[in-house]
Structure formats: C-alpha cells, structure tokens
Amino acid sequence: MSVAQVFEKLEQNFNADAAQGLDLVFQFDIEDDKTYHLVINDGTCKLHEGAHDDPSVTLIMNSETLQGIVSGETDGMQAFMAGQLRAEGDMMLATKLGELFNMG
C-alpha cells in the first residue's frame, strides 16, 4: 500500500462524531515520502498533500511506521518510545488520533 493509499484509508476511517467542535491540523512528515496534512474542522476531515503553515501537531515517521500504525499492527505510543515516531507541537493531540480515526 502506498503512502497516499494509507492516508486515503485514514480519511475513510474518520470518526466525525469524535471531531465535533474541533479545529485541528495534523501534519505528517513521512521521511521517505511526501508531507501530508489532515485538516479537522467541526466533524469534517480533509486530506491535503504538502505542508501546512501552522499545524497543531506534526508527526514525523517513515512510511513503514505509518502503515503499521494505521493498520493497527504498531502502537503509536510504542513507536514514539522506540524513536520511530517524533512529534512537534501539541504532543497531546497525537493521542487523539485513535479517537478520531478507526485504526486497524
């Protein structure tokens, strides 16, 4: 599965109910691919290619780690502790990804 397909799957598994009242930007810097960002605004989710001017949180990882997290094979917190995932900005938002998207 390509990185673009992983993000399409993520967007399809968006939990709109969990995003009511939220206004966030999750940026993903994929070290061996492109940068993408998801704009979450009051129950909607839009995927964009490229960097955002002011993301709420930026998650930095390689494509293998991304695929593992989205498929549910890799726990995001374990990847973070192992140094496979880095976060810049509001790190607590990274923990909301599991609520906003149905992983696995």
Protein backbone atom coordinates (compact mmCIF):
# COMPACT_ATOMS: atom_id res chain seq x y z
CA MET A 1 0.00 0.00 0.00
CA SER A 2 1.41 3.39 -0.98
CA VAL A 3 1.62 6.28 1.49
CA ALA A 4 -1.14 8.08 -0.45
CA GLN A 5 -3.37 4.99 -0.11
CA VAL A 6 -2.66 4.84 3.63
CA PHE A 7 -3.86 8.44 4.02
CA GLU A 8 -6.95 7.73 1.88
CA LYS A 9 -7.76 4.81 4.19
CA LEU A 10 -7.24 7.04 7.22
CA GLU A 11 -9.60 9.64 5.78
CA GLN A 12 -12.24 6.94 5.08
CA ASN A 13 -12.00 5.73 8.71
CA PHE A 14 -12.61 9.20 10.14
CA ASN A 15 -14.93 9.33 13.16
CA ALA A 16 -16.90 12.56 12.60
CA ASP A 17 -18.71 12.29 15.96
CA ALA A 18 -15.40 12.42 17.86
CA ALA A 19 -14.38 15.56 15.95
CA GLN A 20 -17.40 17.74 16.76
CA GLY A 21 -16.20 21.18 17.85
CA LEU A 22 -12.55 20.50 16.98
CA ASP A 23 -10.38 22.71 14.78
CA LEU A 24 -7.02 20.96 14.33
CA VAL A 25 -4.33 20.29 11.74
CA PHE A 26 -2.38 17.03 11.94
CA GLN A 27 0.70 17.20 9.74
CA PHE A 28 2.58 14.03 8.77
CA ASP A 29 6.20 14.37 7.61
CA ILE A 30 6.91 11.00 6.01
CA GLU A 31 10.69 10.82 5.85
CA ASP A 32 10.87 8.52 2.83
CA ASP A 33 7.88 10.04 1.02
CA LYS A 34 5.91 13.31 1.00
CA THR A 35 4.38 15.55 3.64
CA TYR A 36 0.61 15.44 4.11
CA HIS A 37 -1.76 17.18 6.48
CA LEU A 38 -5.28 16.47 7.69
CA VAL A 39 -7.49 19.45 8.48
CA ILE A 40 -10.13 18.54 11.05
CA ASN A 41 -12.83 21.15 11.47
CA ASP A 42 -16.02 20.56 13.46
CA GLY A 43 -16.70 17.00 12.35
CA THR A 44 -15.08 17.18 8.91
CA CYS A 45 -11.73 15.85 7.70
CA LYS A 46 -9.87 16.92 4.57
CA LEU A 47 -6.61 15.41 3.37
CA HIS A 48 -4.07 17.69 1.69
CA GLU A 49 -0.68 16.97 0.17
CA GLY A 50 2.15 19.24 1.29
CA ALA A 51 2.93 21.21 4.43
CA HIS A 52 0.52 23.42 6.39
CA ASP A 53 1.58 26.91 7.54
CA ASP A 54 0.62 26.35 11.18
CA PRO A 55 -0.11 22.69 12.08
CA SER A 56 -1.44 21.85 15.56
CA VAL A 57 0.94 18.91 15.72
CA THR A 58 3.48 17.43 13.29
CA LEU A 59 4.19 13.70 13.36
CA ILE A 60 7.48 12.63 11.80
CA MET A 61 7.98 8.99 10.81
CA ASN A 62 8.83 6.75 7.88
CA SER A 63 6.27 5.06 5.65
CA GLU A 64 6.69 1.67 7.36
CA THR A 65 5.81 3.14 10.78
CA LEU A 66 2.83 4.99 9.29
CA GLN A 67 1.48 1.82 7.69
CA GLY A 68 1.93 -0.11 10.95
CA ILE A 69 0.04 2.49 12.98
CA VAL A 70 -2.84 2.86 10.50
CA SER A 71 -3.21 -0.93 10.14
CA GLY A 72 -3.21 -1.35 13.92
CA GLU A 73 -0.08 -3.55 13.89
CA THR A 74 2.02 -0.85 15.58
CA ASP A 75 1.02 1.01 18.72
CA GLY A 76 1.66 4.74 18.27
CA MET A 77 2.91 5.22 21.83
CA GLN A 78 5.33 2.29 21.50
CA ALA A 79 6.60 3.71 18.18
CA PHE A 80 7.13 7.06 19.91
CA MET A 81 9.03 5.45 22.80
CA ALA A 82 11.17 3.45 20.36
CA GLY A 83 12.11 6.63 18.46
CA GLN A 84 10.27 5.56 15.29
CA LEU A 85 7.83 8.44 15.68
CA ARG A 86 8.61 12.04 16.65
CA ALA A 87 6.13 14.79 17.40
CA GLU A 88 6.46 18.57 17.22
CA GLY A 89 3.84 20.96 18.55
CA ASP A 90 1.00 19.84 20.82
CA MET A 91 2.02 16.26 21.53
CA MET A 92 -1.18 15.53 23.46
CA LEU A 93 -3.10 15.86 20.20
CA ALA A 94 -1.22 12.88 18.83
CA THR A 95 -3.01 10.73 21.42
CA LYS A 96 -6.37 11.84 19.94
CA LEU A 97 -5.65 10.17 16.60
CA GLY A 98 -7.00 6.87 17.92
CA GLU A 99 -10.31 8.55 18.82
CA LEU A 100 -10.61 10.45 15.55
CA PHE A 101 -9.76 7.54 13.25
CA ASN A 102 -10.71 3.88 13.48
CA MET A 103 -7.29 2.22 13.21
CA GLY A 104 -6.85 -1.35 12.09
